[in-house]
Amino acid sequence: MESCKRKTEYKPTDWSQIDLYKQKAKALASKLEPSLMRGEKISWNDLKEICSMDTTLWKLLLKEFRSRGYSIGDSKNQFLAKK
C-alpha cells in the first residue's frame, strides 16, 4: 500500500520565534504594497510561494494586509486587492 503524500510540503511552525514571523510579515507587506496600490491583484498561491509555503507566515501576512485595509478575499475569491 502506497503512502499518501501531499503535493506541497509545508514547513512546521517554530512558535518560539513568532515575533520574528510578525516582523517578516510586516516587511513582506511593505514590499508588496506598491503593486497593490497600482491596482494589481496578488493570488493566495503567489503569496504562499513568496512565503516559501510557510502557512504561519502566510496567515500573518494576510492579517497584516487586512489591518492595512486591503481586501484579502475568501474561499471563492482567493486574491489580495485594494478595496
Foldseek 3Di string as FASTA:
>chain_A
DDDDDDPDDADDDDVVPVVVLLVVLVVVCVVCVVVQVVFDKAFLVNLCVVVVVHVSSSVSNLVVLVVVQWDCDDPVGGIIHRD
